[in-house]
Amino acid sequence: MIAGIRNGIVFLVLMLVLQPASAQADTALDNKAATWVAALQLTDNAKAKKVQAAIATHLTAVKDWHNNHPFTLVPEGINPVTGSKLSELDRDIIICSTKPKSVHENLMTVLRAELDSAQVEMILDKYTIGKVDFTLRGYKAIVPDLTAKEETEIIKNIKQAREQAIDYKNMKEISAIFEIYKTKCEQYLNNNGRNWRQMYKAYTDKIKAEKEAAKKQQ
């Protein structure tokens, strides 16, 4: 009897502690959605509210799925491609990828119905802190003679990464999704007469030499 009462008290205390934290997180996501939509400078208030609500709902769904589905739900095992043991991040990505497709589709349906393509891209960039532009600039630095055809293929891949990555909660997960598509980019370059490893080494050697030269001038 006493033990049961104690367990009940513990449960109530936990609920009182967790609920405010969850409410604060939801408020933070609402504020984030509002800030992103404000950057669009929409003149139609009804449209702005609809887009903001869709983003806030999506952010909350992604957060809740992540928080309620720990990586431990995925058994330890190996990556069937590399043979390496699955990392905690691998398992996290796997379980988070099982969220209902409607979480993504509901958001994109509203964005594409209410915004033009440039505005949609702007919102997707907000989710991924501009990783498309950052990644493309990296490829252009490593491959200075990048052709228009190669650039088109790289942009296609990293934009696919961006749209997929919005369904993940944190930057570790988002970066992991981009790595999948960066590997595809590098395979494309290798399959079309380039040597990615050689180009990357030449680039890092150049950066290292520039740093050494700068030190000597100080």
C-alpha atoms as a PDB file:
ATOM      1  CA  MET A   1       0.000   0.000   0.000  1.00  0.00           C
ATOM      2  CA  ILE A   2       2.724   2.467   1.089  1.00  0.00           C
ATOM      3  CA  ALA A   3       4.932   1.399  -1.826  1.00  0.00           C
ATOM      4  CA  GLY A   4       2.054   2.001  -4.222  1.00  0.00           C
ATOM      5  CA  ILE A   5       1.488   5.501  -2.837  1.00  0.00           C
ATOM      6  CA  ARG A   6       5.197   6.269  -3.138  1.00  0.00           C
ATOM      7  CA  ASN A   7       5.250   5.102  -6.758  1.00  0.00           C
ATOM      8  CA  GLY A   8       2.241   7.281  -7.471  1.00  0.00           C
ATOM      9  CA  ILE A   9       3.918  10.311  -5.924  1.00  0.00           C
ATOM     10  CA  VAL A  10       7.093   9.695  -7.958  1.00  0.00           C
ATOM     11  CA  PHE A  11       5.018   9.444 -11.131  1.00  0.00           C
ATOM     12  CA  LEU A  12       3.226  12.730 -10.401  1.00  0.00           C
ATOM     13  CA  VAL A  13       6.502  14.500  -9.649  1.00  0.00           C
ATOM     14  CA  LEU A  14       7.999  13.263 -12.928  1.00  0.00           C
ATOM     15  CA  MET A  15       4.948  14.471 -14.831  1.00  0.00           C
ATOM     16  CA  LEU A  16       5.183  17.900 -13.208  1.00  0.00           C
ATOM     17  CA  VAL A  17       8.870  18.125 -14.149  1.00  0.00           C
ATOM     18  CA  LEU A  18       8.580  16.804 -17.702  1.00  0.00           C
ATOM     19  CA  GLN A  19       5.463  18.643 -18.828  1.00  0.00           C
ATOM     20  CA  PRO A  20       6.886  22.182 -18.379  1.00  0.00           C
ATOM     21  CA  ALA A  21      10.071  21.120 -20.203  1.00  0.00           C
ATOM     22  CA  SER A  22       8.014  19.735 -23.076  1.00  0.00           C
ATOM     23  CA  ALA A  23       5.884  22.877 -23.192  1.00  0.00           C
ATOM     24  CA  GLN A  24       9.027  25.033 -23.313  1.00  0.00           C
ATOM     25  CA  ALA A  25      10.398  22.948 -26.187  1.00  0.00           C
ATOM     26  CA  ASP A  26       7.140  23.329 -28.120  1.00  0.00           C
ATOM     27  CA  THR A  27       7.167  27.099 -27.535  1.00  0.00           C
ATOM     28  CA  ALA A  28      10.743  27.253 -28.829  1.00  0.00           C
ATOM     29  CA  LEU A  29       9.685  25.409 -31.983  1.00  0.00           C
ATOM     30  CA  ASP A  30       6.701  27.718 -32.444  1.00  0.00           C
ATOM     31  CA  ASN A  31       9.056  30.684 -32.177  1.00  0.00           C
ATOM     32  CA  LYS A  32      11.456  29.111 -34.660  1.00  0.00           C
ATOM     33  CA  ALA A  33       8.617  28.576 -37.160  1.00  0.00           C
ATOM     34  CA  ALA A  34       7.490  32.193 -36.689  1.00  0.00           C
ATOM     35  CA  THR A  35      11.027  33.499 -37.299  1.00  0.00           C
ATOM     36  CA  TRP A  36      11.452  31.440 -40.455  1.00  0.00           C
ATOM     37  CA  VAL A  37       8.132  32.588 -41.901  1.00  0.00           C
ATOM     38  CA  ALA A  38       8.840  36.203 -40.975  1.00  0.00           C
ATOM     39  CA  ALA A  39      12.001  36.003 -43.118  1.00  0.00           C
ATOM     40  CA  LEU A  40       9.776  35.264 -46.143  1.00  0.00           C
ATOM     41  CA  GLN A  41       8.110  38.683 -45.728  1.00  0.00           C
ATOM     42  CA  LEU A  42       4.733  37.372 -46.875  1.00  0.00           C
ATOM     43  CA  THR A  43       2.051  40.027 -47.301  1.00  0.00           C
ATOM     44  CA  ASP A  44      -0.825  37.542 -46.993  1.00  0.00           C
ATOM     45  CA  ASN A  45      -1.347  37.012 -43.239  1.00  0.00           C
ATOM     46  CA  ALA A  46      -3.601  33.985 -43.730  1.00  0.00           C
ATOM     47  CA  LYS A  47      -0.959  32.322 -45.886  1.00  0.00           C
ATOM     48  CA  ALA A  48       1.766  33.158 -43.380  1.00  0.00           C
ATOM     49  CA  LYS A  49      -0.218  31.639 -40.531  1.00  0.00           C
ATOM     50  CA  LYS A  50      -0.907  28.478 -42.537  1.00  0.00           C
ATOM     51  CA  VAL A  51       2.755  28.019 -43.419  1.00  0.00           C
ATOM     52  CA  GLN A  52       3.865  28.770 -39.856  1.00  0.00           C
ATOM     53  CA  ALA A  53       1.402  26.237 -38.442  1.00  0.00           C
ATOM     54  CA  ALA A  54       2.594  23.570 -40.890  1.00  0.00           C
ATOM     55  CA  ILE A  55       6.253  24.161 -39.976  1.00  0.00           C
ATOM     56  CA  ALA A  56       5.546  24.180 -36.232  1.00  0.00           C
ATOM     57  CA  THR A  57       3.529  20.966 -36.531  1.00  0.00           C
ATOM     58  CA  HIS A  58       6.332  19.315 -38.499  1.00  0.00           C
ATOM     59  CA  LEU A  59       9.083  20.431 -36.113  1.00  0.00           C
ATOM     60  CA  THR A  60       7.067  19.145 -33.156  1.00  0.00           C
ATOM     61  CA  ALA A  61       6.367  15.797 -34.839  1.00  0.00           C
ATOM     62  CA  VAL A  62      10.062  15.329 -35.660  1.00  0.00           C
ATOM     63  CA  LYS A  63      11.049  16.217 -32.079  1.00  0.00           C
ATOM     64  CA  ASP A  64       8.436  13.920 -30.523  1.00  0.00           C
ATOM     65  CA  TRP A  65       9.348  10.974 -32.739  1.00  0.00           C
ATOM     66  CA  HIS A  66      13.033  11.400 -31.960  1.00  0.00           C
ATOM     67  CA  ASN A  67      12.463  11.728 -28.217  1.00  0.00           C
ATOM     68  CA  ASN A  68      10.070   8.786 -28.037  1.00  0.00           C
ATOM     69  CA  HIS A  69      12.132   6.424 -30.198  1.00  0.00           C
ATOM     70  CA  PRO A  70      15.666   5.988 -28.794  1.00  0.00           C
ATOM     71  CA  PHE A  71      18.363   4.316 -30.881  1.00  0.00           C
ATOM     72  CA  THR A  72      18.191   1.304 -28.540  1.00  0.00           C
ATOM     73  CA  LEU A  73      15.011   0.240 -30.349  1.00  0.00           C
ATOM     74  CA  VAL A  74      17.300  -0.809 -33.202  1.00  0.00           C
ATOM     75  CA  PRO A  75      19.239  -3.978 -32.291  1.00  0.00           C
ATOM     76  CA  GLU A  76      23.020  -3.878 -32.445  1.00  0.00           C
ATOM     77  CA  GLY A  77      24.299  -5.250 -35.719  1.00  0.00           C
ATOM     78  CA  ILE A  78      26.432  -4.464 -38.741  1.00  0.00           C
ATOM     79  CA  ASN A  79      26.090  -2.173 -41.706  1.00  0.00           C
ATOM     80  CA  PRO A  80      25.380  -4.623 -44.573  1.00  0.00           C
ATOM     81  CA  VAL A  81      27.344  -2.440 -47.020  1.00  0.00           C
ATOM     82  CA  THR A  82      30.526  -1.834 -45.011  1.00  0.00           C
ATOM     83  CA  GLY A  83      30.410  -4.705 -42.526  1.00  0.00           C
ATOM     84  CA  SER A  84      31.181  -2.242 -39.729  1.00  0.00           C
ATOM     85  CA  LYS A  85      29.271  -2.324 -36.457  1.00  0.00           C
ATOM     86  CA  LEU A  86      26.280   0.018 -36.444  1.00  0.00           C
ATOM     87  CA  SER A  87      27.094   3.144 -34.451  1.00  0.00           C
ATOM     88  CA  GLU A  88      24.619   4.820 -32.124  1.00  0.00           C
ATOM     89  CA  LEU A  89      24.147   7.478 -34.815  1.00  0.00           C
ATOM     90  CA  ASP A  90      23.448   4.775 -37.420  1.00  0.00           C
ATOM     91  CA  ARG A  91      20.806   3.255 -35.189  1.00  0.00           C
ATOM     92  CA  ASP A  92      19.391   6.695 -34.418  1.00  0.00           C
ATOM     93  CA  ILE A  93      19.059   7.442 -38.147  1.00  0.00           C
ATOM     94  CA  ILE A  94      17.401   4.074 -38.756  1.00  0.00           C
ATOM     95  CA  ILE A  95      14.746   4.473 -36.068  1.00  0.00           C
ATOM     96  CA  CYS A  96      14.067   8.102 -36.975  1.00  0.00           C
ATOM     97  CA  SER A  97      13.642   7.130 -40.628  1.00  0.00           C
ATOM     98  CA  THR A  98      10.668   4.954 -39.666  1.00  0.00           C
ATOM     99  CA  LYS A  99       8.427   7.908 -38.773  1.00  0.00           C
ATOM    100  CA  PRO A 100       5.185   8.075 -40.799  1.00  0.00           C
ATOM    101  CA  LYS A 101       5.648   9.484 -44.310  1.00  0.00           C
ATOM    102  CA  SER A 102       2.750  11.833 -43.632  1.00  0.00           C
ATOM    103  CA  VAL A 103       4.986  13.896 -41.296  1.00  0.00           C
ATOM    104  CA  HIS A 104       7.051  14.943 -44.323  1.00  0.00           C
ATOM    105  CA  GLU A 105       4.281  14.945 -46.897  1.00  0.00           C
ATOM    106  CA  ASN A 106       1.941  17.157 -44.869  1.00  0.00           C
ATOM    107  CA  LEU A 107       4.596  19.841 -44.545  1.00  0.00           C
ATOM    108  CA  MET A 108       5.680  19.765 -48.182  1.00  0.00           C
ATOM    109  CA  THR A 109       2.078  19.835 -49.413  1.00  0.00           C
ATOM    110  CA  VAL A 110       1.463  23.119 -47.579  1.00  0.00           C
ATOM    111  CA  LEU A 111       4.799  24.665 -48.550  1.00  0.00           C
ATOM    112  CA  ARG A 112       4.350  23.871 -52.243  1.00  0.00           C
ATOM    113  CA  ALA A 113       0.738  25.034 -52.256  1.00  0.00           C
ATOM    114  CA  GLU A 114       1.342  28.333 -50.466  1.00  0.00           C
ATOM    115  CA  LEU A 115       4.873  29.339 -51.523  1.00  0.00           C
ATOM    116  CA  ASP A 116       6.821  29.695 -54.732  1.00  0.00           C
ATOM    117  CA  SER A 117       9.827  27.435 -55.382  1.00  0.00           C
ATOM    118  CA  ALA A 118      12.373  29.995 -54.126  1.00  0.00           C
ATOM    119  CA  GLN A 119      10.438  30.447 -50.879  1.00  0.00           C
ATOM    120  CA  VAL A 120      10.191  26.684 -50.388  1.00  0.00           C
ATOM    121  CA  GLU A 121      13.955  26.423 -50.817  1.00  0.00           C
ATOM    122  CA  MET A 122      14.436  29.217 -48.315  1.00  0.00           C
ATOM    123  CA  ILE A 123      12.466  27.303 -45.666  1.00  0.00           C
ATOM    124  CA  LEU A 124      14.336  24.061 -46.389  1.00  0.00           C
ATOM    125  CA  ASP A 125      17.604  25.978 -46.023  1.00  0.00           C
ATOM    126  CA  LYS A 126      16.418  27.259 -42.631  1.00  0.00           C
ATOM    127  CA  TYR A 127      15.939  23.654 -41.493  1.00  0.00           C
ATOM    128  CA  THR A 128      19.428  22.654 -42.636  1.00  0.00           C
ATOM    129  CA  ILE A 129      21.281  25.938 -41.880  1.00  0.00           C
ATOM    130  CA  GLY A 130      22.271  26.490 -45.514  1.00  0.00           C
ATOM    131  CA  LYS A 131      24.117  23.204 -46.008  1.00  0.00           C
ATOM    132  CA  VAL A 132      23.291  23.062 -49.742  1.00  0.00           C
ATOM    133  CA  ASP A 133      25.206  26.262 -50.496  1.00  0.00           C
ATOM    134  CA  PHE A 134      27.997  25.384 -48.066  1.00  0.00           C
ATOM    135  CA  THR A 135      28.420  21.896 -49.559  1.00  0.00           C
ATOM    136  CA  LEU A 136      28.359  23.141 -53.155  1.00  0.00           C
ATOM    137  CA  ARG A 137      31.013  25.756 -52.382  1.00  0.00           C
ATOM    138  CA  GLY A 138      33.128  22.959 -50.919  1.00  0.00           C
ATOM    139  CA  TYR A 139      32.909  20.921 -54.111  1.00  0.00           C
ATOM    140  CA  LYS A 140      33.783  23.961 -56.219  1.00  0.00           C
ATOM    141  CA  ALA A 141      36.844  24.590 -54.060  1.00  0.00           C
ATOM    142  CA  ILE A 142      38.011  20.977 -54.330  1.00  0.00           C
ATOM    143  CA  VAL A 143      37.170  20.697 -58.047  1.00  0.00           C
ATOM    144  CA  PRO A 144      37.886  24.178 -59.447  1.00  0.00           C
ATOM    145  CA  ASP A 145      37.199  23.064 -63.027  1.00  0.00           C
ATOM    146  CA  LEU A 146      33.819  21.552 -62.141  1.00  0.00           C
ATOM    147  CA  THR A 147      31.712  21.305 -65.303  1.00  0.00           C
ATOM    148  CA  ALA A 148      28.111  22.527 -65.612  1.00  0.00           C
ATOM    149  CA  LYS A 149      26.958  18.916 -65.960  1.00  0.00           C
ATOM    150  CA  GLU A 150      28.827  17.845 -62.826  1.00  0.00           C
ATOM    151  CA  GLU A 151      27.481  20.820 -60.894  1.00  0.00           C
ATOM    152  CA  THR A 152      23.923  19.989 -61.945  1.00  0.00           C
ATOM    153  CA  GLU A 153      24.308  16.420 -60.680  1.00  0.00           C
ATOM    154  CA  ILE A 154      25.825  17.566 -57.390  1.00  0.00           C
ATOM    155  CA  ILE A 155      23.065  20.136 -56.832  1.00  0.00           C
ATOM    156  CA  LYS A 156      20.431  17.477 -57.518  1.00  0.00           C
ATOM    157  CA  ASN A 157      21.963  15.159 -54.927  1.00  0.00           C
ATOM    158  CA  ILE A 158      22.485  17.711 -52.175  1.00  0.00           C
ATOM    159  CA  LYS A 159      18.989  19.141 -52.631  1.00  0.00           C
ATOM    160  CA  GLN A 160      17.627  15.622 -52.192  1.00  0.00           C
ATOM    161  CA  ALA A 161      19.732  15.422 -49.033  1.00  0.00           C
ATOM    162  CA  ARG A 162      18.268  18.699 -47.812  1.00  0.00           C
ATOM    163  CA  GLU A 163      14.662  17.663 -48.245  1.00  0.00           C
ATOM    164  CA  GLN A 164      15.285  14.312 -46.567  1.00  0.00           C
ATOM    165  CA  ALA A 165      17.303  15.875 -43.747  1.00  0.00           C
ATOM    166  CA  ILE A 166      14.478  18.153 -42.565  1.00  0.00           C
ATOM    167  CA  ASP A 167      12.851  15.115 -40.950  1.00  0.00           C
ATOM    168  CA  TYR A 168      15.700  14.728 -38.449  1.00  0.00           C
ATOM    169  CA  LYS A 169      15.988  16.579 -35.166  1.00  0.00           C
ATOM    170  CA  ASN A 170      19.614  17.584 -34.723  1.00  0.00           C
ATOM    171  CA  MET A 171      22.639  18.573 -36.775  1.00  0.00           C
ATOM    172  CA  LYS A 172      24.422  15.255 -36.251  1.00  0.00           C
ATOM    173  CA  GLU A 173      21.538  13.478 -37.935  1.00  0.00           C
ATOM    174  CA  ILE A 174      21.169  16.136 -40.634  1.00  0.00           C
ATOM    175  CA  SER A 175      24.889  15.954 -41.425  1.00  0.00           C
ATOM    176  CA  ALA A 176      24.682  12.148 -41.599  1.00  0.00           C
ATOM    177  CA  ILE A 177      21.936  12.406 -44.230  1.00  0.00           C
ATOM    178  CA  PHE A 178      24.055  14.830 -46.249  1.00  0.00           C
ATOM    179  CA  GLU A 179      26.988  12.399 -46.045  1.00  0.00           C
ATOM    180  CA  ILE A 180      24.891   9.766 -47.839  1.00  0.00           C
ATOM    181  CA  TYR A 181      24.368  12.093 -50.779  1.00  0.00           C
ATOM    182  CA  LYS A 182      27.904  13.470 -50.717  1.00  0.00           C
ATOM    183  CA  THR A 183      29.089   9.898 -51.198  1.00  0.00           C
ATOM    184  CA  LYS A 184      26.804   9.679 -54.238  1.00  0.00           C
ATOM    185  CA  CYS A 185      28.331  12.889 -55.596  1.00  0.00           C
ATOM    186  CA  GLU A 186      31.846  11.552 -55.171  1.00  0.00           C
ATOM    187  CA  GLN A 187      30.916   8.234 -56.785  1.00  0.00           C
ATOM    188  CA  TYR A 188      29.457  10.175 -59.719  1.00  0.00           C
ATOM    189  CA  LEU A 189      32.696  12.119 -60.148  1.00  0.00           C
ATOM    190  CA  ASN A 190      34.757   8.915 -59.952  1.00  0.00           C
ATOM    191  CA  ASN A 191      32.528   7.191 -62.506  1.00  0.00           C
ATOM    192  CA  ASN A 192      32.955  10.084 -64.919  1.00  0.00           C
ATOM    193  CA  GLY A 193      36.693  10.352 -65.188  1.00  0.00           C
ATOM    194  CA  ARG A 194      37.557  12.071 -61.918  1.00  0.00           C
ATOM    195  CA  ASN A 195      39.613  10.780 -59.007  1.00  0.00           C
ATOM    196  CA  TRP A 196      37.923  12.125 -55.883  1.00  0.00           C
ATOM    197  CA  ARG A 197      40.552  10.918 -53.423  1.00  0.00           C
ATOM    198  CA  GLN A 198      43.343  12.485 -55.462  1.00  0.00           C
ATOM    199  CA  MET A 199      41.489  15.801 -55.836  1.00  0.00           C
ATOM    200  CA  TYR A 200      40.629  15.937 -52.152  1.00  0.00           C
ATOM    201  CA  LYS A 201      44.256  15.260 -51.185  1.00  0.00           C
ATOM    202  CA  ALA A 202      45.482  17.981 -53.551  1.00  0.00           C
ATOM    203  CA  TYR A 203      43.014  20.412 -52.000  1.00  0.00           C
ATOM    204  CA  THR A 204      43.971  19.612 -48.398  1.00  0.00           C
ATOM    205  CA  ASP A 205      47.674  19.778 -49.281  1.00  0.00           C
ATOM    206  CA  LYS A 206      47.102  23.216 -50.809  1.00  0.00           C
ATOM    207  CA  ILE A 207      45.262  24.477 -47.718  1.00  0.00           C
ATOM    208  CA  LYS A 208      47.992  23.112 -45.461  1.00  0.00           C
ATOM    209  CA  ALA A 209      50.703  24.801 -47.550  1.00  0.00           C
ATOM    210  CA  GLU A 210      48.823  28.114 -47.478  1.00  0.00           C
ATOM    211  CA  LYS A 211      48.546  27.948 -43.693  1.00  0.00           C
ATOM    212  CA  GLU A 212      52.246  27.175 -43.330  1.00  0.00           C
ATOM    213  CA  ALA A 213      53.121  30.093 -45.639  1.00  0.00           C
ATOM    214  CA  ALA A 214      50.887  32.427 -43.617  1.00  0.00           C
ATOM    215  CA  LYS A 215      52.611  31.382 -40.372  1.00  0.00           C
ATOM    216  CA  LYS A 216      56.027  32.170 -41.834  1.00  0.00           C
ATOM    217  CA  GLN A 217      54.902  35.664 -42.797  1.00  0.00           C
ATOM    218  CA  GLN A 218      53.747  36.466 -39.253  1.00  0.00           C
END
